[in-house]
PDB file of N, CA and C in Angstrom:
ATOM      1  N   MET A   1     123.829  98.777  95.039  1.00  0.00           N
ATOM      2  CA  MET A   1     123.192  98.458  95.416  1.00  0.00           C
ATOM      3  C   MET A   1     122.740 100.048  97.058  1.00  0.00           C
ATOM      4  N   PRO A   2     121.460 100.040  96.855  1.00  0.00           N
ATOM      5  CA  PRO A   2     121.501 100.936  98.359  1.00  0.00           C
ATOM      6  C   PRO A   2     122.020 100.423  99.212  1.00  0.00           C
ATOM      7  N   LEU A   3     122.426 101.366 100.791  1.00  0.00           N
ATOM      8  CA  LEU A   3     122.843 101.324 102.098  1.00  0.00           C
ATOM      9  C   LEU A   3     122.512 102.359 102.420  1.00  0.00           C
ATOM     10  N   TYR A   4     122.066 102.000 103.906  1.00  0.00           N
ATOM     11  CA  TYR A   4     120.869 102.914 104.905  1.00  0.00           C
ATOM     12  C   TYR A   4     122.605 102.647 105.687  1.00  0.00           C
ATOM     13  N   GLY A   5     124.004 102.309 106.180  1.00  0.00           N
ATOM     14  CA  GLY A   5     124.469 101.956 106.474  1.00  0.00           C
ATOM     15  C   GLY A   5     123.684 102.843 108.318  1.00  0.00           C
ATOM     16  N   SER A   6     124.995 103.291 109.147  1.00  0.00           N
ATOM     17  CA  SER A   6     124.053 102.792 110.663  1.00  0.00           C
ATOM     18  C   SER A   6     123.134 103.868 111.096  1.00  0.00           C
ATOM     19  N   ALA A   7     122.800 104.732 110.497  1.00  0.00           N
ATOM     20  CA  ALA A   7     121.568 104.431 110.782  1.00  0.00           C
ATOM     21  C   ALA A   7     119.800 104.138 110.412  1.00  0.00           C
ATOM     22  N   GLY A   8     120.074 103.205 109.769  1.00  0.00           N
ATOM     23  CA  GLY A   8     119.244 101.622 110.080  1.00  0.00           C
ATOM     24  C   GLY A   8     118.257 102.308 109.053  1.00  0.00           C
ATOM     25  N   PRO A   9     117.360 100.984 108.730  1.00  0.00           N
ATOM     26  CA  PRO A   9     115.687 101.633 107.282  1.00  0.00           C
ATOM     27  C   PRO A   9     115.934 103.460 108.062  1.00  0.00           C
ATOM     28  N   ASN A  10     115.164 103.918 107.479  1.00  0.00           N
ATOM     29  CA  ASN A  10     113.954 104.445 107.063  1.00  0.00           C
ATOM     30  C   ASN A  10     112.854 104.247 107.406  1.00  0.00           C
ATOM     31  N   LEU A  11     111.660 105.507 108.367  1.00  0.00           N
ATOM     32  CA  LEU A  11     110.977 104.949 109.388  1.00  0.00           C
ATOM     33  C   LEU A  11     109.084 105.714 107.781  1.00  0.00           C
ATOM     34  N   LEU A  12     108.957 104.822 107.708  1.00  0.00           N
ATOM     35  CA  LEU A  12     107.298 104.226 106.574  1.00  0.00           C
ATOM     36  C   LEU A  12     106.010 104.719 107.645  1.00  0.00           C
ATOM     37  N   HIS A  13     106.136 106.283 107.652  1.00  0.00           N
ATOM     38  CA  HIS A  13     104.616 106.601 107.729  1.00  0.00           C
ATOM     39  C   HIS A  13     103.236 106.626 107.044  1.00  0.00           C
ATOM     40  N   GLU A  14     102.231 106.139 107.443  1.00  0.00           N
ATOM     41  CA  GLU A  14     100.405 106.531 106.839  1.00  0.00           C
ATOM     42  C   GLU A  14     100.555 107.353 105.816  1.00  0.00           C
ATOM     43  N   ASN A  15      99.336 106.529 104.994  1.00  0.00           N
ATOM     44  CA  ASN A  15     100.086 107.750 103.718  1.00  0.00           C
ATOM     45  C   ASN A  15     101.757 108.489 103.142  1.00  0.00           C
ATOM     46  N   GLN A  16     102.658 107.902 103.123  1.00  0.00           N
ATOM     47  CA  GLN A  16     104.123 107.978 101.620  1.00  0.00           C
ATOM     48  C   GLN A  16     104.150 107.091 101.855  1.00  0.00           C
ATOM     49  N   GLN A  17     105.380 107.696 100.704  1.00  0.00           N
ATOM     50  CA  GLN A  17     105.909 106.799 100.006  1.00  0.00           C
ATOM     51  C   GLN A  17     107.951 106.523 100.067  1.00  0.00           C
ATOM     52  N   GLU A  18     108.094 105.547  99.733  1.00  0.00           N
ATOM     53  CA  GLU A  18     110.118 104.773  99.034  1.00  0.00           C
ATOM     54  C   GLU A  18     110.426 104.858  98.484  1.00  0.00           C
ATOM     55  N   TYR A  19     110.893 104.702  97.639  1.00  0.00           N
ATOM     56  CA  TYR A  19     112.191 103.678  96.647  1.00  0.00           C
ATOM     57  C   TYR A  19     112.993 103.425  97.427  1.00  0.00           C
ATOM     58  N   LEU A  20     112.254 101.652  97.621  1.00  0.00           N
ATOM     59  CA  LEU A  20     113.588 100.825  97.755  1.00  0.00           C
ATOM     60  C   LEU A  20     114.590  99.965  96.783  1.00  0.00           C
ATOM     61  N   LEU A  21     113.445 101.105  95.865  1.00  0.00           N
ATOM     62  CA  LEU A  21     115.583  99.964  94.569  1.00  0.00           C
ATOM     63  C   LEU A  21     114.607 101.699  94.041  1.00  0.00           C
ATOM     64  N   GLN A  22     115.846 102.664  93.069  1.00  0.00           N
ATOM     65  CA  GLN A  22     115.484 102.896  91.811  1.00  0.00           C
ATOM     66  C   GLN A  22     115.749 103.613  91.231  1.00  0.00           C
ATOM     67  N   ASN A  23     115.293 102.589  89.746  1.00  0.00           N
ATOM     68  CA  ASN A  23     116.140 102.045  88.817  1.00  0.00           C
ATOM     69  C   ASN A  23     117.164 102.005  88.614  1.00  0.00           C
ATOM     70  N   GLU A  24     117.997 100.564  89.630  1.00  0.00           N
ATOM     71  CA  GLU A  24     118.856 100.538  89.556  1.00  0.00           C
ATOM     72  C   GLU A  24     119.570  99.054  88.623  1.00  0.00           C
ATOM     73  N   GLU A  25     119.605  98.437  88.609  1.00  0.00           N
ATOM     74  CA  GLU A  25     120.604  97.754  87.845  1.00  0.00           C
ATOM     75  C   GLU A  25     120.990  95.991  88.861  1.00  0.00           C
ATOM     76  N   VAL A  26     119.822  95.615  89.155  1.00  0.00           N
ATOM     77  CA  VAL A  26     120.515  94.286  89.944  1.00  0.00           C
ATOM     78  C   VAL A  26     120.357  92.416  89.259  1.00  0.00           C
ATOM     79  N   VAL A  27     120.905  91.795  90.107  1.00  0.00           N
ATOM     80  CA  VAL A  27     120.626  89.935  89.773  1.00  0.00           C
ATOM     81  C   VAL A  27     120.105  89.275  90.771  1.00  0.00           C
ATOM     82  N   ALA A  28     119.768  88.125  90.268  1.00  0.00           N
ATOM     83  CA  ALA A  28     118.741  87.004  91.108  1.00  0.00           C
ATOM     84  C   ALA A  28     119.881  87.296  92.393  1.00  0.00           C
ATOM     85  N   GLY A  29     118.535  87.516  93.438  1.00  0.00           N
ATOM     86  CA  GLY A  29     119.137  87.145  94.391  1.00  0.00           C
ATOM     87  C   GLY A  29     119.729  88.449  96.274  1.00  0.00           C
ATOM     88  N   ASP A  30     119.373  89.267  94.441  1.00  0.00           N
ATOM     89  CA  ASP A  30     120.203  91.167  94.913  1.00  0.00           C
ATOM     90  C   ASP A  30     118.736  91.641  96.242  1.00  0.00           C
ATOM     91  N   ALA A  31     118.833  91.793  97.536  1.00  0.00           N
ATOM     92  CA  ALA A  31     117.659  92.030  98.231  1.00  0.00           C
ATOM     93  C   ALA A  31     117.405  94.306  98.618  1.00  0.00           C
ATOM     94  N   SER A  32     116.148  94.866  98.248  1.00  0.00           N
ATOM     95  CA  SER A  32     116.495  96.302  98.312  1.00  0.00           C
ATOM     96  C   SER A  32     116.961  96.604  99.807  1.00  0.00           C
ATOM     97  N   VAL A  33     117.321  97.789 100.100  1.00  0.00           N
ATOM     98  CA  VAL A  33     117.268  98.310 101.458  1.00  0.00           C
ATOM     99  C   VAL A  33     115.895  98.189 102.286  1.00  0.00           C
ATOM    100  N   PRO A  34     115.457  98.409 103.223  1.00  0.00           N
ATOM    101  CA  PRO A  34     114.355  97.203 103.916  1.00  0.00           C
ATOM    102  C   PRO A  34     113.852  99.521 104.359  1.00  0.00           C
ATOM    103  N   VAL A  35     112.064  99.306 104.802  1.00  0.00           N
ATOM    104  CA  VAL A  35     111.870  99.890 105.148  1.00  0.00           C
ATOM    105  C   VAL A  35     110.972  99.705 106.820  1.00  0.00           C
ATOM    106  N   GLN A  36     111.127 100.879 107.822  1.00  0.00           N
ATOM    107  CA  GLN A  36     110.490 100.180 108.396  1.00  0.00           C
ATOM    108  C   GLN A  36     108.866 100.733 108.665  1.00  0.00           C
ATOM    109  N   LEU A  37     108.106  99.973 109.113  1.00  0.00           N
ATOM    110  CA  LEU A  37     106.893 100.129 108.689  1.00  0.00           C
ATOM    111  C   LEU A  37     106.373 101.210 110.168  1.00  0.00           C
ATOM    112  N   ARG A  38     105.898 102.866 110.579  1.00  0.00           N
ATOM    113  CA  ARG A  38     105.954 102.563 111.106  1.00  0.00           C
ATOM    114  C   ARG A  38     104.045 101.349 112.080  1.00  0.00           C
ATOM    115  N   ARG A  39     104.323 101.685 113.336  1.00  0.00           N
ATOM    116  CA  ARG A  39     102.683 101.057 113.735  1.00  0.00           C
ATOM    117  C   ARG A  39     101.977 102.055 113.906  1.00  0.00           C
ATOM    118  N   VAL A  40     100.801 102.321 112.766  1.00  0.00           N
ATOM    119  CA  VAL A  40      99.860 102.136 113.429  1.00  0.00           C
ATOM    120  C   VAL A  40      98.560 102.502 114.602  1.00  0.00           C
ATOM    121  N   LYS A  41      98.854 103.801 115.303  1.00  0.00           N
ATOM    122  CA  LYS A  41      97.772 103.004 116.511  1.00  0.00           C
ATOM    123  C   LYS A  41      96.012 103.953 116.400  1.00  0.00           C
ATOM    124  N   GLY A  42      95.566 103.186 116.902  1.00  0.00           N
ATOM    125  CA  GLY A  42      93.788 103.531 117.201  1.00  0.00           C
ATOM    126  C   GLY A  42      93.480 102.062 116.275  1.00  0.00           C
ATOM    127  N   LEU A  43      92.181 102.624 115.756  1.00  0.00           N
ATOM    128  CA  LEU A  43      91.101 101.506 115.255  1.00  0.00           C
ATOM    129  C   LEU A  43      91.776 101.382 113.405  1.00  0.00           C
ATOM    130  N   THR A  44      92.678 101.501 113.165  1.00  0.00           N
ATOM    131  CA  THR A  44      92.685 101.524 111.623  1.00  0.00           C
ATOM    132  C   THR A  44      93.767 101.061 110.971  1.00  0.00           C
ATOM    133  N   TYR A  45      94.677 100.418 112.512  1.00  0.00           N
ATOM    134  CA  TYR A  45      96.118  99.868 112.639  1.00  0.00           C
ATOM    135  C   TYR A  45      95.208  97.972 112.688  1.00  0.00           C
ATOM    136  N   PRO A  46      95.598  97.379 111.352  1.00  0.00           N
ATOM    137  CA  PRO A  46      96.774  97.737 111.125  1.00  0.00           C
ATOM    138  C   PRO A  46      96.476  98.328 109.893  1.00  0.00           C
ATOM    139  N   PHE A  47      97.859  98.433 109.037  1.00  0.00           N
ATOM    140  CA  PHE A  47      97.948  99.848 108.698  1.00  0.00           C
ATOM    141  C   PHE A  47      98.336  98.819 106.410  1.00  0.00           C
ATOM    142  N   GLY A  48      97.912  99.160 106.265  1.00  0.00           N
ATOM    143  CA  GLY A  48      98.504  98.473 104.856  1.00  0.00           C
ATOM    144  C   GLY A  48      99.473  99.112 103.797  1.00  0.00           C
ATOM    145  N   PHE A  49      99.484  97.983 103.055  1.00  0.00           N
ATOM    146  CA  PHE A  49     100.986  98.345 102.333  1.00  0.00           C
ATOM    147  C   PHE A  49     101.023  98.006 100.475  1.00  0.00           C
ATOM    148  N   SER A  50     101.298  99.402 100.110  1.00  0.00           N
ATOM    149  CA  SER A  50     100.991  97.815  98.231  1.00  0.00           C
ATOM    150  C   SER A  50     102.913  98.944  97.815  1.00  0.00           C
ATOM    151  N   VAL A  51     103.572  97.695  97.181  1.00  0.00           N
ATOM    152  CA  VAL A  51     104.433  97.593  96.418  1.00  0.00           C
ATOM    153  C   VAL A  51     104.291  97.865  94.743  1.00  0.00           C
ATOM    154  N   GLN A  52     105.091  98.775  94.635  1.00  0.00           N
ATOM    155  CA  GLN A  52     104.910  99.299  92.687  1.00  0.00           C
ATOM    156  C   GLN A  52     106.596  98.508  92.323  1.00  0.00           C
ATOM    157  N   VAL A  53     106.473  97.756  90.942  1.00  0.00           N
ATOM    158  CA  VAL A  53     107.234  97.755  90.754  1.00  0.00           C
ATOM    159  C   VAL A  53     107.042  97.602  89.147  1.00  0.00           C
ATOM    160  N   ALA A  54     108.879  98.640  88.859  1.00  0.00           N
ATOM    161  CA  ALA A  54     108.734  99.044  87.588  1.00  0.00           C
ATOM    162  C   ALA A  54     110.369  98.549  86.790  1.00  0.00           C
ATOM    163  N   PHE A  55     109.812  97.880  85.875  1.00  0.00           N
ATOM    164  CA  PHE A  55     111.218  97.579  84.650  1.00  0.00           C
ATOM    165  C   PHE A  55     111.197  99.115  83.884  1.00  0.00           C
ATOM    166  N   ASP A  56     112.194  99.578  83.777  1.00  0.00           N
ATOM    167  CA  ASP A  56     112.732  99.734  82.617  1.00  0.00           C
ATOM    168  C   ASP A  56     112.440  99.747  80.518  1.00  0.00           C
ATOM    169  N   ASP A  57     112.360  98.179  81.456  1.00  0.00           N
ATOM    170  CA  ASP A  57     112.080  97.212  79.153  1.00  0.00           C
ATOM    171  C   ASP A  57     111.823  96.507  79.802  1.00  0.00           C
ATOM    172  N   ASP A  58     111.390  95.024  79.121  1.00  0.00           N
ATOM    173  CA  ASP A  58     111.096  94.189  78.825  1.00  0.00           C
ATOM    174  C   ASP A  58     112.281  93.057  79.954  1.00  0.00           C
ATOM    175  N   PRO A  59     111.418  92.886  81.000  1.00  0.00           N
ATOM    176  CA  PRO A  59     112.373  91.221  82.042  1.00  0.00           C
ATOM    177  C   PRO A  59     112.137  90.114  81.571  1.00  0.00           C
ATOM    178  N   GLY A  60     111.272  89.849  81.022  1.00  0.00           N
ATOM    179  CA  GLY A  60     111.969  87.833  80.414  1.00  0.00           C
ATOM    180  C   GLY A  60     111.058  88.076  81.530  1.00  0.00           C
ATOM    181  N   THR A  61     111.724  86.403  82.301  1.00  0.00           N
ATOM    182  CA  THR A  61     111.212  85.438  82.931  1.00  0.00           C
ATOM    183  C   THR A  61     111.835  86.563  84.716  1.00  0.00           C
ATOM    184  N   PHE A  62     110.625  86.436  85.837  1.00  0.00           N
ATOM    185  CA  PHE A  62     110.846  86.971  87.010  1.00  0.00           C
ATOM    186  C   PHE A  62     110.128  86.639  87.702  1.00  0.00           C
ATOM    187  N   GLN A  63     110.459  87.054  88.896  1.00  0.00           N
ATOM    188  CA  GLN A  63     109.772  86.633  90.422  1.00  0.00           C
ATOM    189  C   GLN A  63     110.288  87.823  91.258  1.00  0.00           C
ATOM    190  N   VAL A  64     109.876  88.852  92.289  1.00  0.00           N
ATOM    191  CA  VAL A  64     110.369  89.812  92.883  1.00  0.00           C
ATOM    192  C   VAL A  64     109.534  89.403  94.222  1.00  0.00           C
ATOM    193  N   ASP A  65     110.520  89.679  94.985  1.00  0.00           N
ATOM    194  CA  ASP A  65     109.526  88.752  96.342  1.00  0.00           C
ATOM    195  C   ASP A  65     108.898  89.899  97.694  1.00  0.00           C
ATOM    196  N   VAL A  66     107.711  89.747  97.876  1.00  0.00           N
ATOM    197  CA  VAL A  66     108.554  91.766  99.231  1.00  0.00           C
ATOM    198  C   VAL A  66     108.193  90.869 100.614  1.00  0.00           C
ATOM    199  N   GLN A  67     109.530  90.951 101.097  1.00  0.00           N
ATOM    200  CA  GLN A  67     109.398  90.087 102.154  1.00  0.00           C
ATOM    201  C   GLN A  67     109.058  90.939 103.422  1.00  0.00           C
ATOM    202  N   ASP A  68     108.751  90.490 104.418  1.00  0.00           N
ATOM    203  CA  ASP A  68     108.332  90.641 106.197  1.00  0.00           C
ATOM    204  C   ASP A  68     109.598  90.489 107.299  1.00  0.00           C
ATOM    205  N   ALA A  69     110.043  91.445 107.581  1.00  0.00           N
ATOM    206  CA  ALA A  69     110.654  91.147 109.187  1.00  0.00           C
ATOM    207  C   ALA A  69     110.154  91.507 110.843  1.00  0.00           C
ATOM    208  N   ASP A  70     109.960  90.730 111.064  1.00  0.00           N
ATOM    209  CA  ASP A  70     110.591  91.521 112.473  1.00  0.00           C
ATOM    210  C   ASP A  70     111.787  92.051 113.316  1.00  0.00           C
ATOM    211  N   LEU A  71     112.538  91.599 112.954  1.00  0.00           N
ATOM    212  CA  LEU A  71     114.291  91.798 113.288  1.00  0.00           C
ATOM    213  C   LEU A  71     114.890  91.920 111.598  1.00  0.00           C
ATOM    214  N   ASP A  72     115.540  93.554 111.439  1.00  0.00           N
ATOM    215  CA  ASP A  72     116.330  93.899 109.997  1.00  0.00           C
ATOM    216  C   ASP A  72     116.996  92.645 111.010  1.00  0.00           C
ATOM    217  N   GLU A  73     116.987  91.968 110.031  1.00  0.00           N
ATOM    218  CA  GLU A  73     118.389  90.646 109.783  1.00  0.00           C
ATOM    219  C   GLU A  73     118.054  90.017 108.511  1.00  0.00           C
ATOM    220  N   ASP A  74     119.174  89.520 107.057  1.00  0.00           N
ATOM    221  CA  ASP A  74     118.765  89.418 106.201  1.00  0.00           C
ATOM    222  C   ASP A  74     118.186  87.736 106.145  1.00  0.00           C
ATOM    223  N   ASP A  75     118.744  86.951 107.515  1.00  0.00           N
ATOM    224  CA  ASP A  75     117.922  86.046 107.568  1.00  0.00           C
ATOM    225  C   ASP A  75     116.308  85.527 108.486  1.00  0.00           C
ATOM    226  N   MET A  76     115.794  86.730 108.174  1.00  0.00           N
ATOM    227  CA  MET A  76     115.239  86.604 109.890  1.00  0.00           C
ATOM    228  C   MET A  76     113.931  86.765 108.091  1.00  0.00           C
ATOM    229  N   TYR A  77     114.182  87.309 107.382  1.00  0.00           N
ATOM    230  CA  TYR A  77     113.253  87.702 106.186  1.00  0.00           C
ATOM    231  C   TYR A  77     111.550  87.120 105.610  1.00  0.00           C
ATOM    232  N   VAL A  78     110.630  86.282 105.545  1.00  0.00           N
ATOM    233  CA  VAL A  78     110.118  85.961 103.906  1.00  0.00           C
ATOM    234  C   VAL A  78     109.716  86.368 103.717  1.00  0.00           C
ATOM    235  N   THR A  79     108.545  86.082 102.843  1.00  0.00           N
ATOM    236  CA  THR A  79     108.282  86.119 101.715  1.00  0.00           C
ATOM    237  C   THR A  79     106.455  86.017 101.489  1.00  0.00           C
ATOM    238  N   VAL A  80     106.483  86.777 101.856  1.00  0.00           N
ATOM    239  CA  VAL A  80     104.507  87.645 102.111  1.00  0.00           C
ATOM    240  C   VAL A  80     104.207  87.721 100.932  1.00  0.00           C
ATOM    241  N   SER A  81     105.136  87.914  99.866  1.00  0.00           N
ATOM    242  CA  SER A  81     103.464  88.153  98.387  1.00  0.00           C
ATOM    243  C   SER A  81     105.015  88.500  97.052  1.00  0.00           C
ATOM    244  N   SER A  82     104.840  87.525  95.762  1.00  0.00           N
ATOM    245  CA  SER A  82     105.420  87.566  94.952  1.00  0.00           C
ATOM    246  C   SER A  82     104.902  88.416  93.720  1.00  0.00           C
ATOM    247  N   LEU A  83     105.513  89.106  93.430  1.00  0.00           N
ATOM    248  CA  LEU A  83     105.065  89.546  91.563  1.00  0.00           C
ATOM    249  C   LEU A  83     106.270  88.591  90.622  1.00  0.00           C
ATOM    250  N   SER A  84     105.110  87.548  89.811  1.00  0.00           N
ATOM    251  CA  SER A  84     106.097  87.082  89.259  1.00  0.00           C
ATOM    252  C   SER A  84     105.237  87.533  87.787  1.00  0.00           C
ATOM    253  N   GLY A  85     104.211  88.321  86.724  1.00  0.00           N
ATOM    254  CA  GLY A  85     103.603  88.077  85.833  1.00  0.00           C
ATOM    255  C   GLY A  85     102.715  89.730  86.158  1.00  0.00           C
ATOM    256  N   ASN A  86     101.813  89.514  85.234  1.00  0.00           N
ATOM    257  CA  ASN A  86     100.746  89.781  85.224  1.00  0.00           C
ATOM    258  C   ASN A  86     101.291  91.033  85.049  1.00  0.00           C
ATOM    259  N   LEU A  87     102.550  92.148  84.211  1.00  0.00           N
ATOM    260  CA  LEU A  87     103.053  93.411  83.720  1.00  0.00           C
ATOM    261  C   LEU A  87     101.769  94.123  83.195  1.00  0.00           C
ATOM    262  N   ASN A  88     101.575  95.194  83.133  1.00  0.00           N
ATOM    263  CA  ASN A  88     100.862  96.409  81.816  1.00  0.00           C
ATOM    264  C   ASN A  88     102.143  96.312  81.135  1.00  0.00           C
ATOM    265  N   ASP A  89     101.878  97.046  79.878  1.00  0.00           N
ATOM    266  CA  ASP A  89     102.616  96.822  79.126  1.00  0.00           C
ATOM    267  C   ASP A  89     103.650  97.791  78.898  1.00  0.00           C
ATOM    268  N   SER A  90     103.334  98.552  80.314  1.00  0.00           N
ATOM    269  CA  SER A  90     104.556 100.134  80.406  1.00  0.00           C
ATOM    270  C   SER A  90     105.707  98.739  81.530  1.00  0.00           C
ATOM    271  N   PHE A  91     105.687  97.788  81.693  1.00  0.00           N
ATOM    272  CA  PHE A  91     106.132  96.921  82.361  1.00  0.00           C
ATOM    273  C   PHE A  91     105.832  96.988  83.802  1.00  0.00           C
ATOM    274  N   VAL A  92     104.886  97.335  84.138  1.00  0.00           N
ATOM    275  CA  VAL A  92     104.643  98.037  85.661  1.00  0.00           C
ATOM    276  C   VAL A  92     104.031  96.660  86.018  1.00  0.00           C
ATOM    277  N   GLY A  93     104.364  96.515  87.453  1.00  0.00           N
ATOM    278  CA  GLY A  93     103.334  95.751  88.311  1.00  0.00           C
ATOM    279  C   GLY A  93     103.271  96.181  89.872  1.00  0.00           C
ATOM    280  N   ARG A  94     102.094  95.456  90.350  1.00  0.00           N
ATOM    281  CA  ARG A  94     102.200  95.304  92.003  1.00  0.00           C
ATOM    282  C   ARG A  94     102.185  95.075  92.506  1.00  0.00           C
ATOM    283  N   VAL A  95     102.204  94.851  93.451  1.00  0.00           N
ATOM    284  CA  VAL A  95     101.410  93.986  95.678  1.00  0.00           C
ATOM    285  C   VAL A  95     100.547  95.083  95.676  1.00  0.00           C
ATOM    286  N   GLU A  96      99.782  94.629  97.076  1.00  0.00           N
ATOM    287  CA  GLU A  96      99.439  94.900  97.747  1.00  0.00           C
ATOM    288  C   GLU A  96      98.813  94.020  99.148  1.00  0.00           C
ATOM    289  N   LEU A  97      99.208  94.808  99.979  1.00  0.00           N
ATOM    290  CA  LEU A  97      99.655  93.991 101.246  1.00  0.00           C
ATOM    291  C   LEU A  97      97.634  94.596 101.989  1.00  0.00           C
ATOM    292  N   PRO A  98      96.976  94.242 103.072  1.00  0.00           N
ATOM    293  CA  PRO A  98      96.017  94.874 102.952  1.00  0.00           C
ATOM    294  C   PRO A  98      96.076  94.803 104.452  1.00  0.00           C
ATOM    295  N   ILE A  99      96.979  94.244 105.128  1.00  0.00           N
ATOM    296  CA  ILE A  99      96.584  93.858 106.508  1.00  0.00           C
ATOM    297  C   ILE A  99      98.145  93.757 106.850  1.00  0.00           C
ATOM    298  N   VAL A 100      98.416  94.615 107.288  1.00  0.00           N
ATOM    299  CA  VAL A 100     100.424  93.801 107.973  1.00  0.00           C
ATOM    300  C   VAL A 100      99.840  94.758 108.952  1.00  0.00           C
ATOM    301  N   TRP A 101     101.326  93.155 109.239  1.00  0.00           N
ATOM    302  CA  TRP A 101     101.399  93.673 111.900  1.00  0.00           C
ATOM    303  C   TRP A 101     103.433  93.116 111.141  1.00  0.00           C
ATOM    304  N   THR A 102     104.040  93.482 110.183  1.00  0.00           N
ATOM    305  CA  THR A 102     106.023  93.406 110.367  1.00  0.00           C
ATOM    306  C   THR A 102     105.863  94.733 110.419  1.00  0.00           C
ATOM    307  N   LYS A 103     107.244  94.915 110.987  1.00  0.00           N
ATOM    308  CA  LYS A 103     107.956  96.001 110.817  1.00  0.00           C
ATOM    309  C   LYS A 103     109.004  96.301 109.551  1.00  0.00           C
ATOM    310  N   TYR A 104     109.463  95.340 109.314  1.00  0.00           N
ATOM    311  CA  TYR A 104     110.381  96.111 108.546  1.00  0.00           C
ATOM    312  C   TYR A 104     109.691  95.309 106.633  1.00  0.00           C
ATOM    313  N   THR A 105     109.903  95.852 106.472  1.00  0.00           N
ATOM    314  CA  THR A 105     109.677  94.565 104.626  1.00  0.00           C
ATOM    315  C   THR A 105     110.850  95.634 104.136  1.00  0.00           C
ATOM    316  N   ARG A 106     110.893  94.305 102.646  1.00  0.00           N
ATOM    317  CA  ARG A 106     111.053  94.651 101.659  1.00  0.00           C
ATOM    318  C   ARG A 106     111.864  94.657 100.510  1.00  0.00           C
ATOM    319  N   VAL A 107     112.169  93.571  99.212  1.00  0.00           N
ATOM    320  CA  VAL A 107     111.876  92.991  98.502  1.00  0.00           C
ATOM    321  C   VAL A 107     113.413  92.795  98.020  1.00  0.00           C
ATOM    322  N   ARG A 108     112.856  91.914  97.069  1.00  0.00           N
ATOM    323  CA  ARG A 108     113.654  90.470  96.763  1.00  0.00           C
ATOM    324  C   ARG A 108     113.937  89.928  95.133  1.00  0.00           C
ATOM    325  N   VAL A 109     114.613  90.116  94.186  1.00  0.00           N
ATOM    326  CA  VAL A 109     114.854  89.810  93.314  1.00  0.00           C
ATOM    327  C   VAL A 109     114.932  88.820  93.231  1.00  0.00           C
ATOM    328  N   VAL A 110     114.193  87.528  92.887  1.00  0.00           N
ATOM    329  CA  VAL A 110     114.442  86.277  93.632  1.00  0.00           C
ATOM    330  C   VAL A 110     115.002  85.437  92.048  1.00  0.00           C
ATOM    331  N   THR A 111     114.312  85.844  90.130  1.00  0.00           N
ATOM    332  CA  THR A 111     114.644  85.217  89.124  1.00  0.00           C
ATOM    333  C   THR A 111     115.157  86.805  88.135  1.00  0.00           C
ATOM    334  N   LEU A 112     115.625  86.801  87.910  1.00  0.00           N
ATOM    335  CA  LEU A 112     115.117  88.702  85.831  1.00  0.00           C
ATOM    336  C   LEU A 112     116.526  87.611  85.042  1.00  0.00           C
ATOM    337  N   THR A 113     115.958  87.689  83.989  1.00  0.00           N
ATOM    338  CA  THR A 113     116.551  86.321  82.296  1.00  0.00           C
ATOM    339  C   THR A 113     116.835  87.892  82.389  1.00  0.00           C
ATOM    340  N   ASN A 114     116.112  88.717  82.466  1.00  0.00           N
ATOM    341  CA  ASN A 114     117.305  90.134  80.843  1.00  0.00           C
ATOM    342  C   ASN A 114     118.031  90.746  81.997  1.00  0.00           C
ATOM    343  N   PRO A 115     118.775  91.848  81.755  1.00  0.00           N
ATOM    344  CA  PRO A 115     119.472  92.982  82.098  1.00  0.00           C
ATOM    345  C   PRO A 115     118.713  94.155  81.867  1.00  0.00           C
ATOM    346  N   VAL A 116     117.855  94.305  83.230  1.00  0.00           N
ATOM    347  CA  VAL A 116     116.634  95.976  82.935  1.00  0.00           C
ATOM    348  C   VAL A 116     117.468  96.237  84.535  1.00  0.00           C
ATOM    349  N   ALA A 117     116.825  97.603  84.191  1.00  0.00           N
ATOM    350  CA  ALA A 117     116.542  98.136  85.210  1.00  0.00           C
ATOM    351  C   ALA A 117     115.949  98.149  86.927  1.00  0.00           C
ATOM    352  N   ILE A 118     115.751  98.327  87.229  1.00  0.00           N
ATOM    353  CA  ILE A 118     114.177  98.117  88.194  1.00  0.00           C
ATOM    354  C   ILE A 118     113.392  98.695  89.183  1.00  0.00           C
ATOM    355  N   THR A 119     112.788  99.567  89.309  1.00  0.00           N
ATOM    356  CA  THR A 119     112.642 100.348  90.356  1.00  0.00           C
ATOM    357  C   THR A 119     111.564 100.528  91.001  1.00  0.00           C
ATOM    358  N   ALA A 120     111.108 100.464  92.641  1.00  0.00           N
ATOM    359  CA  ALA A 120     110.614  99.415  93.491  1.00  0.00           C
ATOM    360  C   ALA A 120     109.553 100.084  94.502  1.00  0.00           C
ATOM    361  N   LEU A 121     108.609 101.393  94.023  1.00  0.00           N
ATOM    362  CA  LEU A 121     107.996 101.580  95.182  1.00  0.00           C
ATOM    363  C   LEU A 121     106.816 101.177  96.163  1.00  0.00           C
ATOM    364  N   ILE A 122     107.673 101.950  97.574  1.00  0.00           N
ATOM    365  CA  ILE A 122     106.348 101.794  98.957  1.00  0.00           C
ATOM    366  C   ILE A 122     105.269 102.153  98.982  1.00  0.00           C
ATOM    367  N   SER A 123     104.377 102.243  99.097  1.00  0.00           N
ATOM    368  CA  SER A 123     104.067 103.300  99.468  1.00  0.00           C
ATOM    369  C   SER A 123     102.374 102.065 100.914  1.00  0.00           C
ATOM    370  N   ARG A 124     102.453 104.172 102.028  1.00  0.00           N
ATOM    371  CA  ARG A 124     101.406 103.300 102.750  1.00  0.00           C
ATOM    372  C   ARG A 124     100.356 104.614 103.023  1.00  0.00           C
TER     373      ARG A 124
END
């Protein structure tokens, strides 16, 4: 799993993308590094985001949760959306959250029956 060390989560600005997982083999229960979502000022606030999840092969039965928190502590993250199906023929799915008030976001692999690599890309 990637680590962000003492610098803390990267700050994700509007119109930016960042990999939460990048072609990584994870097991059920693993969580990605989080990102901090920049608070957008003005009439466009809140500003949503999307997460695209790609498996390098058929994942079998799976569930990937998108989790948010206002404090970057493991027990503070709550699931706000889940992806457990509706993949395209290339084993890619996505979650869109158009209205977001949270500070930190990550993904957590809840279920994964086949040993495949996962890439999760967050976009604002």
